[in-house]
């Protein structure tokens, strides 16, 4: 199997690194002062997001074998997810 870099690969790496940083260093900048005792739980949530991003990458790779189409679909998915997050946030 040929290894291809995709946007969801970067998202998976980002979430796993963020989970490790949150779990090991317990940064207040990520969790805030009110949720300082919840850093382990928040780290598990970030780790779960990384696993989901990896699983979605595998699914998209099976449906879109061409790298250009795969990048377009995954970037659209990330953009749509970000827009929905911003709409629900406020």
PDB file of N, CA and C in Angstrom:
ATOM      1  N   UNK A   1       0.847  -1.175   0.000  1.00  0.00           N
ATOM      2  CA  UNK A   1       0.000   0.000   0.000  1.00  0.00           C
ATOM      3  C   UNK A   1       0.894   1.239   0.000  1.00  0.00           C
ATOM      4  N   UNK A   2       0.571   2.164  -0.881  1.00  0.00           N
ATOM      5  CA  UNK A   2       1.353   3.377  -1.014  1.00  0.00           C
ATOM      6  C   UNK A   2       0.907   4.414   0.031  1.00  0.00           C
ATOM      7  N   UNK A   3       1.883   5.020   0.711  1.00  0.00           N
ATOM      8  CA  UNK A   3       1.573   6.019   1.724  1.00  0.00           C
ATOM      9  C   UNK A   3       1.358   7.371   1.052  1.00  0.00           C
ATOM     10  N   UNK A   4       0.224   7.996   1.340  1.00  0.00           N
ATOM     11  CA  UNK A   4      -0.082   9.307   0.781  1.00  0.00           C
ATOM     12  C   UNK A   4      -0.402  10.262   1.930  1.00  0.00           C
ATOM     13  N   UNK A   5       0.156  11.440   1.865  1.00  0.00           N
ATOM     14  CA  UNK A   5      -0.178  12.469   2.847  1.00  0.00           C
ATOM     15  C   UNK A   5      -1.491  13.119   2.459  1.00  0.00           C
ATOM     16  N   UNK A   6      -2.371  13.246   3.439  1.00  0.00           N
ATOM     17  CA  UNK A   6      -3.670  13.858   3.215  1.00  0.00           C
ATOM     18  C   UNK A   6      -3.963  14.829   4.357  1.00  0.00           C
ATOM     19  N   UNK A   7      -4.938  15.701   4.187  1.00  0.00           N
ATOM     20  CA  UNK A   7      -5.270  16.646   5.257  1.00  0.00           C
ATOM     21  C   UNK A   7      -5.704  15.966   6.556  1.00  0.00           C
ATOM     22  N   UNK A   8      -6.383  14.848   6.470  1.00  0.00           N
ATOM     23  CA  UNK A   8      -6.802  14.172   7.691  1.00  0.00           C
ATOM     24  C   UNK A   8      -5.633  13.486   8.390  1.00  0.00           C
ATOM     25  N   UNK A   9      -4.546  13.202   7.663  1.00  0.00           N
ATOM     26  CA  UNK A   9      -3.330  12.730   8.331  1.00  0.00           C
ATOM     27  C   UNK A   9      -2.787  13.822   9.246  1.00  0.00           C
ATOM     28  N   UNK A  10      -2.766  15.052   8.729  1.00  0.00           N
ATOM     29  CA  UNK A  10      -2.305  16.181   9.533  1.00  0.00           C
ATOM     30  C   UNK A  10      -3.237  16.432  10.718  1.00  0.00           C
ATOM     31  N   UNK A  11      -4.540  16.300  10.496  1.00  0.00           N
ATOM     32  CA  UNK A  11      -5.499  16.486  11.590  1.00  0.00           C
ATOM     33  C   UNK A  11      -5.316  15.408  12.657  1.00  0.00           C
ATOM     34  N   UNK A  12      -5.074  14.180  12.247  1.00  0.00           N
ATOM     35  CA  UNK A  12      -4.838  13.102  13.203  1.00  0.00           C
ATOM     36  C   UNK A  12      -3.595  13.376  14.039  1.00  0.00           C
ATOM     37  N   UNK A  13      -2.523  13.766  13.383  1.00  0.00           N
ATOM     38  CA  UNK A  13      -1.288  14.081  14.106  1.00  0.00           C
ATOM     39  C   UNK A  13      -1.503  15.259  15.054  1.00  0.00           C
ATOM     40  N   UNK A  14      -2.230  16.276  14.611  1.00  0.00           N
ATOM     41  CA  UNK A  14      -2.504  17.441  15.452  1.00  0.00           C
ATOM     42  C   UNK A  14      -3.276  17.053  16.703  1.00  0.00           C
ATOM     43  N   UNK A  15      -4.321  16.255  16.552  1.00  0.00           N
ATOM     44  CA  UNK A  15      -5.131  15.872  17.708  1.00  0.00           C
ATOM     45  C   UNK A  15      -4.368  14.969  18.673  1.00  0.00           C
ATOM     46  N   UNK A  16      -3.560  14.068  18.163  1.00  0.00           N
ATOM     47  CA  UNK A  16      -2.795  13.189  19.049  1.00  0.00           C
ATOM     48  C   UNK A  16      -1.728  13.980  19.803  1.00  0.00           C
ATOM     49  N   UNK A  17      -1.053  14.898  19.124  1.00  0.00           N
ATOM     50  CA  UNK A  17      -0.067  15.747  19.810  1.00  0.00           C
ATOM     51  C   UNK A  17      -0.751  16.625  20.838  1.00  0.00           C
ATOM     52  N   UNK A  18      -1.900  17.187  20.496  1.00  0.00           N
ATOM     53  CA  UNK A  18      -2.644  18.023  21.443  1.00  0.00           C
ATOM     54  C   UNK A  18      -3.105  17.204  22.649  1.00  0.00           C
ATOM     55  N   UNK A  19      -3.508  15.967  22.434  1.00  0.00           N
ATOM     56  CA  UNK A  19      -3.910  15.104  23.545  1.00  0.00           C
ATOM     57  C   UNK A  19      -2.729  14.808  24.462  1.00  0.00           C
ATOM     58  N   UNK A  20      -1.569  14.521  23.877  1.00  0.00           N
ATOM     59  CA  UNK A  20      -0.386  14.242  24.700  1.00  0.00           C
ATOM     60  C   UNK A  20       0.054  15.476  25.484  1.00  0.00           C
ATOM     61  N   UNK A  21       0.034  16.634  24.849  1.00  0.00           N
ATOM     62  CA  UNK A  21       0.408  17.868  25.550  1.00  0.00           C
ATOM     63  C   UNK A  21      -0.568  18.152  26.677  1.00  0.00           C
ATOM     64  N   UNK A  22      -1.854  17.996  26.415  1.00  0.00           N
ATOM     65  CA  UNK A  22      -2.862  18.255  27.440  1.00  0.00           C
ATOM     66  C   UNK A  22      -2.742  17.268  28.593  1.00  0.00           C
ATOM     67  N   UNK A  23      -2.432  16.018  28.281  1.00  0.00           N
ATOM     68  CA  UNK A  23      -2.346  15.005  29.330  1.00  0.00           C
ATOM     69  C   UNK A  23      -1.073  15.138  30.153  1.00  0.00           C
ATOM     70  N   UNK A  24       0.044  15.382  29.497  1.00  0.00           N
ATOM     71  CA  UNK A  24       1.323  15.421  30.206  1.00  0.00           C
ATOM     72  C   UNK A  24       1.569  16.739  30.941  1.00  0.00           C
ATOM     73  N   UNK A  25       1.274  17.866  30.273  1.00  0.00           N
ATOM     74  CA  UNK A  25       1.649  19.154  30.841  1.00  0.00           C
ATOM     75  C   UNK A  25       0.508  19.898  31.511  1.00  0.00           C
ATOM     76  N   UNK A  26      -0.732  19.436  31.304  1.00  0.00           N
ATOM     77  CA  UNK A  26      -1.923  20.038  31.897  1.00  0.00           C
ATOM     78  C   UNK A  26      -1.956  21.559  31.722  1.00  0.00           C
ATOM     79  N   UNK A  27      -1.926  22.029  30.468  1.00  0.00           N
ATOM     80  CA  UNK A  27      -1.888  23.475  30.256  1.00  0.00           C
ATOM     81  C   UNK A  27      -3.232  24.131  30.537  1.00  0.00           C
ATOM     82  N   UNK A  28      -3.195  25.191  31.289  1.00  0.00           N
ATOM     83  CA  UNK A  28      -4.407  25.937  31.610  1.00  0.00           C
ATOM     84  C   UNK A  28      -4.879  26.714  30.378  1.00  0.00           C
ATOM     85  N   UNK A  29      -3.972  27.011  29.448  1.00  0.00           N
ATOM     86  CA  UNK A  29      -4.361  27.748  28.248  1.00  0.00           C
ATOM     87  C   UNK A  29      -5.314  26.945  27.364  1.00  0.00           C
ATOM     88  N   UNK A  30      -5.243  25.614  27.419  1.00  0.00           N
ATOM     89  CA  UNK A  30      -6.152  24.781  26.632  1.00  0.00           C
ATOM     90  C   UNK A  30      -7.460  24.574  27.381  1.00  0.00           C
ATOM     91  N   UNK A  31      -7.385  24.310  28.676  1.00  0.00           N
ATOM     92  CA  UNK A  31      -8.586  23.951  29.424  1.00  0.00           C
ATOM     93  C   UNK A  31      -9.224  25.122  30.148  1.00  0.00           C
ATOM     94  N   UNK A  32      -8.464  26.142  30.492  1.00  0.00           N
ATOM     95  CA  UNK A  32      -9.000  27.251  31.268  1.00  0.00           C
ATOM     96  C   UNK A  32      -8.896  26.944  32.754  1.00  0.00           C
ATOM     97  N   UNK A  33      -8.973  27.986  33.566  1.00  0.00           N
ATOM     98  CA  UNK A  33      -8.844  27.811  35.016  1.00  0.00           C
ATOM     99  C   UNK A  33      -9.982  26.993  35.611  1.00  0.00           C
ATOM    100  N   UNK A  34     -11.186  27.143  35.081  1.00  0.00           N
ATOM    101  CA  UNK A  34     -12.345  26.446  35.647  1.00  0.00           C
ATOM    102  C   UNK A  34     -12.293  24.940  35.412  1.00  0.00           C
ATOM    103  N   UNK A  35     -11.604  24.508  34.367  1.00  0.00           N
ATOM    104  CA  UNK A  35     -11.577  23.083  34.007  1.00  0.00           C
ATOM    105  C   UNK A  35     -10.201  22.461  34.230  1.00  0.00           C
ATOM    106  N   UNK A  36      -9.422  23.006  35.163  1.00  0.00           N
ATOM    107  CA  UNK A  36      -8.064  22.505  35.373  1.00  0.00           C
ATOM    108  C   UNK A  36      -8.058  21.031  35.777  1.00  0.00           C
ATOM    109  N   UNK A  37      -9.030  20.577  36.543  1.00  0.00           N
ATOM    110  CA  UNK A  37      -9.078  19.185  36.977  1.00  0.00           C
ATOM    111  C   UNK A  37      -9.588  18.253  35.881  1.00  0.00           C
ATOM    112  N   UNK A  38     -10.070  18.785  34.769  1.00  0.00           N
ATOM    113  CA  UNK A  38     -10.610  17.976  33.678  1.00  0.00           C
ATOM    114  C   UNK A  38      -9.602  17.752  32.556  1.00  0.00           C
ATOM    115  N   UNK A  39      -8.332  18.044  32.779  1.00  0.00           N
ATOM    116  CA  UNK A  39      -7.365  17.943  31.683  1.00  0.00           C
ATOM    117  C   UNK A  39      -7.224  16.516  31.161  1.00  0.00           C
ATOM    118  N   UNK A  40      -7.318  15.512  32.011  1.00  0.00           N
ATOM    119  CA  UNK A  40      -7.241  14.122  31.555  1.00  0.00           C
ATOM    120  C   UNK A  40      -8.404  13.758  30.656  1.00  0.00           C
ATOM    121  N   UNK A  41      -9.584  14.208  31.023  1.00  0.00           N
ATOM    122  CA  UNK A  41     -10.772  13.932  30.216  1.00  0.00           C
ATOM    123  C   UNK A  41     -10.687  14.649  28.878  1.00  0.00           C
ATOM    124  N   UNK A  42     -10.235  15.882  28.908  1.00  0.00           N
ATOM    125  CA  UNK A  42     -10.112  16.643  27.662  1.00  0.00           C
ATOM    126  C   UNK A  42      -9.042  16.007  26.769  1.00  0.00           C
ATOM    127  N   UNK A  43      -7.972  15.486  27.363  1.00  0.00           N
ATOM    128  CA  UNK A  43      -6.945  14.792  26.585  1.00  0.00           C
ATOM    129  C   UNK A  43      -7.531  13.542  25.925  1.00  0.00           C
ATOM    130  N   UNK A  44      -8.383  12.807  26.636  1.00  0.00           N
ATOM    131  CA  UNK A  44      -9.032  11.636  26.040  1.00  0.00           C
ATOM    132  C   UNK A  44      -9.954  12.024  24.888  1.00  0.00           C
ATOM    133  N   UNK A  45     -10.634  13.154  25.011  1.00  0.00           N
ATOM    134  CA  UNK A  45     -11.502  13.632  23.934  1.00  0.00           C
ATOM    135  C   UNK A  45     -10.663  13.976  22.701  1.00  0.00           C
ATOM    136  N   UNK A  46      -9.524  14.655  22.895  1.00  0.00           N
ATOM    137  CA  UNK A  46      -8.646  14.965  21.767  1.00  0.00           C
ATOM    138  C   UNK A  46      -8.109  13.689  21.131  1.00  0.00           C
ATOM    139  N   UNK A  47      -7.765  12.694  21.944  1.00  0.00           N
ATOM    140  CA  UNK A  47      -7.290  11.417  21.420  1.00  0.00           C
ATOM    141  C   UNK A  47      -8.389  10.723  20.618  1.00  0.00           C
ATOM    142  N   UNK A  48      -9.618  10.787  21.105  1.00  0.00           N
ATOM    143  CA  UNK A  48     -10.759  10.220  20.383  1.00  0.00           C
ATOM    144  C   UNK A  48     -10.956  10.923  19.045  1.00  0.00           C
ATOM    145  N   UNK A  49     -10.820  12.255  19.022  1.00  0.00           N
ATOM    146  CA  UNK A  49     -10.923  12.998  17.763  1.00  0.00           C
ATOM    147  C   UNK A  49      -9.848  12.536  16.777  1.00  0.00           C
ATOM    148  N   UNK A  50      -8.648  12.257  17.284  1.00  0.00           N
ATOM    149  CA  UNK A  50      -7.580  11.754  16.418  1.00  0.00           C
ATOM    150  C   UNK A  50      -7.909  10.400  15.826  1.00  0.00           C
ATOM    151  N   UNK A  51      -8.486   9.522  16.628  1.00  0.00           N
ATOM    152  CA  UNK A  51      -8.875   8.196  16.135  1.00  0.00           C
ATOM    153  C   UNK A  51      -9.981   8.316  15.088  1.00  0.00           C
ATOM    154  N   UNK A  52     -10.950   9.191  15.342  1.00  0.00           N
ATOM    155  CA  UNK A  52     -12.047   9.393  14.380  1.00  0.00           C
ATOM    156  C   UNK A  52     -11.507   9.971  13.070  1.00  0.00           C
ATOM    157  N   UNK A  53     -10.574  10.935  13.150  1.00  0.00           N
ATOM    158  CA  UNK A  53      -9.995  11.511  11.938  1.00  0.00           C
ATOM    159  C   UNK A  53      -9.234  10.446  11.150  1.00  0.00           C
ATOM    160  N   UNK A  54      -8.533   9.564  11.835  1.00  0.00           N
ATOM    161  CA  UNK A  54      -7.807   8.487  11.170  1.00  0.00           C
ATOM    162  C   UNK A  54      -8.775   7.519  10.488  1.00  0.00           C
ATOM    163  N   UNK A  55      -9.857   7.191  11.173  1.00  0.00           N
ATOM    164  CA  UNK A  55     -10.864   6.287  10.607  1.00  0.00           C
ATOM    165  C   UNK A  55     -11.527   6.919   9.377  1.00  0.00           C
ATOM    166  N   UNK A  56     -11.851   8.210   9.458  1.00  0.00           N
ATOM    167  CA  UNK A  56     -12.445   8.885   8.306  1.00  0.00           C
ATOM    168  C   UNK A  56     -11.477   8.947   7.130  1.00  0.00           C
ATOM    169  N   UNK A  57     -10.195   9.100   7.429  1.00  0.00           N
ATOM    170  CA  UNK A  57      -9.197   9.102   6.364  1.00  0.00           C
ATOM    171  C   UNK A  57      -9.197   7.762   5.636  1.00  0.00           C
ATOM    172  N   UNK A  58      -9.276   6.677   6.383  1.00  0.00           N
ATOM    173  CA  UNK A  58      -9.333   5.352   5.749  1.00  0.00           C
ATOM    174  C   UNK A  58     -10.584   5.190   4.887  1.00  0.00           C
ATOM    175  N   UNK A  59     -11.705   5.686   5.375  1.00  0.00           N
ATOM    176  CA  UNK A  59     -12.947   5.594   4.604  1.00  0.00           C
ATOM    177  C   UNK A  59     -12.849   6.404   3.318  1.00  0.00           C
ATOM    178  N   UNK A  60     -12.357   7.644   3.431  1.00  0.00           N
ATOM    179  CA  UNK A  60     -12.232   8.483   2.239  1.00  0.00           C
ATOM    180  C   UNK A  60     -11.235   7.904   1.244  1.00  0.00           C
ATOM    181  N   UNK A  61     -10.180   7.260   1.721  1.00  0.00           N
ATOM    182  CA  UNK A  61      -9.198   6.648   0.818  1.00  0.00           C
ATOM    183  C   UNK A  61      -9.823   5.517  -0.002  1.00  0.00           C
ATOM    184  N   UNK A  62     -10.757   4.779   0.592  1.00  0.00           N
ATOM    185  CA  UNK A  62     -11.413   3.692  -0.149  1.00  0.00           C
ATOM    186  C   UNK A  62     -12.367   4.220  -1.209  1.00  0.00           C
ATOM    187  N   UNK A  63     -13.024   5.355  -0.939  1.00  0.00           N
ATOM    188  CA  UNK A  63     -13.997   5.890  -1.891  1.00  0.00           C
ATOM    189  C   UNK A  63     -13.354   6.731  -2.991  1.00  0.00           C
ATOM    190  N   UNK A  64     -12.226   7.371  -2.702  1.00  0.00           N
ATOM    191  CA  UNK A  64     -11.583   8.264  -3.666  1.00  0.00           C
ATOM    192  C   UNK A  64     -10.127   7.847  -3.865  1.00  0.00           C
ATOM    193  N   UNK A  65      -9.865   7.012  -4.866  1.00  0.00           N
ATOM    194  CA  UNK A  65      -8.506   6.488  -5.053  1.00  0.00           C
ATOM    195  C   UNK A  65      -7.501   7.518  -5.588  1.00  0.00           C
ATOM    196  N   UNK A  66      -7.970   8.561  -6.278  1.00  0.00           N
ATOM    197  CA  UNK A  66      -7.055   9.567  -6.812  1.00  0.00           C
ATOM    198  C   UNK A  66      -6.694  10.573  -5.720  1.00  0.00           C
ATOM    199  N   UNK A  67      -5.417  10.915  -5.647  1.00  0.00           N
ATOM    200  CA  UNK A  67      -4.942  11.784  -4.570  1.00  0.00           C
ATOM    201  C   UNK A  67      -5.531  13.187  -4.670  1.00  0.00           C
ATOM    202  N   UNK A  68      -5.664  13.715  -5.866  1.00  0.00           N
ATOM    203  CA  UNK A  68      -6.203  15.069  -6.032  1.00  0.00           C
ATOM    204  C   UNK A  68      -7.649  15.147  -5.553  1.00  0.00           C
ATOM    205  N   UNK A  69      -8.450  14.180  -5.911  1.00  0.00           N
ATOM    206  CA  UNK A  69      -9.850  14.140  -5.467  1.00  0.00           C
ATOM    207  C   UNK A  69      -9.924  13.926  -3.964  1.00  0.00           C
ATOM    208  N   UNK A  70      -9.054  13.090  -3.449  1.00  0.00           N
ATOM    209  CA  UNK A  70      -9.022  12.827  -2.012  1.00  0.00           C
ATOM    210  C   UNK A  70      -8.710  14.096  -1.235  1.00  0.00           C
ATOM    211  N   UNK A  71      -7.719  14.866  -1.684  1.00  0.00           N
ATOM    212  CA  UNK A  71      -7.386  16.128  -1.022  1.00  0.00           C
ATOM    213  C   UNK A  71      -8.570  17.086  -1.073  1.00  0.00           C
ATOM    214  N   UNK A  72      -9.243  17.170  -2.208  1.00  0.00           N
ATOM    215  CA  UNK A  72     -10.378  18.078  -2.357  1.00  0.00           C
ATOM    216  C   UNK A  72     -11.518  17.686  -1.416  1.00  0.00           C
ATOM    217  N   UNK A  73     -11.825  16.413  -1.341  1.00  0.00           N
ATOM    218  CA  UNK A  73     -12.915  15.942  -0.482  1.00  0.00           C
ATOM    219  C   UNK A  73     -12.560  16.134   0.997  1.00  0.00           C
ATOM    220  N   UNK A  74     -11.336  15.800   1.383  1.00  0.00           N
ATOM    221  CA  UNK A  74     -10.955  15.929   2.786  1.00  0.00           C
ATOM    222  C   UNK A  74     -10.858  17.385   3.221  1.00  0.00           C
ATOM    223  N   UNK A  75     -10.355  18.262   2.355  1.00  0.00           N
ATOM    224  CA  UNK A  75     -10.318  19.689   2.703  1.00  0.00           C
ATOM    225  C   UNK A  75     -11.734  20.253   2.809  1.00  0.00           C
ATOM    226  N   UNK A  76     -12.627  19.807   1.940  1.00  0.00           N
ATOM    227  CA  UNK A  76     -14.026  20.234   2.026  1.00  0.00           C
ATOM    228  C   UNK A  76     -14.659  19.748   3.325  1.00  0.00           C
ATOM    229  N   UNK A  77     -14.339  18.528   3.720  1.00  0.00           N
ATOM    230  CA  UNK A  77     -14.869  17.988   4.972  1.00  0.00           C
ATOM    231  C   UNK A  77     -14.366  18.783   6.174  1.00  0.00           C
ATOM    232  N   UNK A  78     -13.070  19.106   6.189  1.00  0.00           N
ATOM    233  CA  UNK A  78     -12.503  19.876   7.298  1.00  0.00           C
ATOM    234  C   UNK A  78     -13.112  21.274   7.331  1.00  0.00           C
ATOM    235  N   UNK A  79     -13.275  21.894   6.178  1.00  0.00           N
ATOM    236  CA  UNK A  79     -13.882  23.225   6.112  1.00  0.00           C
ATOM    237  C   UNK A  79     -15.339  23.190   6.583  1.00  0.00           C
ATOM    238  N   UNK A  80     -16.092  22.201   6.144  1.00  0.00           N
ATOM    239  CA  UNK A  80     -17.487  22.066   6.569  1.00  0.00           C
ATOM    240  C   UNK A  80     -17.584  21.833   8.072  1.00  0.00           C
ATOM    241  N   UNK A  81     -16.711  21.012   8.613  1.00  0.00           N
ATOM    242  CA  UNK A  81     -16.702  20.758  10.049  1.00  0.00           C
ATOM    243  C   UNK A  81     -16.383  22.038  10.824  1.00  0.00           C
ATOM    244  N   UNK A  82     -15.432  22.823  10.331  1.00  0.00           N
ATOM    245  CA  UNK A  82     -15.094  24.092  10.978  1.00  0.00           C
ATOM    246  C   UNK A  82     -16.235  25.087  10.932  1.00  0.00           C
ATOM    247  N   UNK A  83     -16.935  25.172   9.809  1.00  0.00           N
ATOM    248  CA  UNK A  83     -18.076  26.091   9.692  1.00  0.00           C
ATOM    249  C   UNK A  83     -19.199  25.665  10.630  1.00  0.00           C
ATOM    250  N   UNK A  84     -19.482  24.388  10.691  1.00  0.00           N
ATOM    251  CA  UNK A  84     -20.531  23.904  11.598  1.00  0.00           C
ATOM    252  C   UNK A  84     -20.144  24.168  13.046  1.00  0.00           C
ATOM    253  N   UNK A  85     -18.868  23.995  13.393  1.00  0.00           N
ATOM    254  CA  UNK A  85     -18.407  24.290  14.753  1.00  0.00           C
ATOM    255  C   UNK A  85     -18.613  25.762  15.082  1.00  0.00           C
ATOM    256  N   UNK A  86     -18.263  26.644  14.153  1.00  0.00           N
ATOM    257  CA  UNK A  86     -18.432  28.070  14.413  1.00  0.00           C
ATOM    258  C   UNK A  86     -19.897  28.477  14.500  1.00  0.00           C
ATOM    259  N   UNK A  87     -20.754  27.835  13.728  1.00  0.00           N
ATOM    260  CA  UNK A  87     -22.189  28.146  13.798  1.00  0.00           C
ATOM    261  C   UNK A  87     -22.815  27.663  15.105  1.00  0.00           C
ATOM    262  N   UNK A  88     -22.401  26.507  15.584  1.00  0.00           N
ATOM    263  CA  UNK A  88     -22.972  25.944  16.798  1.00  0.00           C
ATOM    264  C   UNK A  88     -22.384  26.622  18.042  1.00  0.00           C
ATOM    265  N   UNK A  89     -21.168  27.109  17.929  1.00  0.00           N
ATOM    266  CA  UNK A  89     -20.475  27.702  19.071  1.00  0.00           C
ATOM    267  C   UNK A  89     -21.197  28.929  19.593  1.00  0.00           C
ATOM    268  N   UNK A  90     -21.755  29.749  18.726  1.00  0.00           N
ATOM    269  CA  UNK A  90     -22.389  30.987  19.185  1.00  0.00           C
ATOM    270  C   UNK A  90     -23.871  30.909  19.161  1.00  0.00           C
TER     271      UNK A  90
END
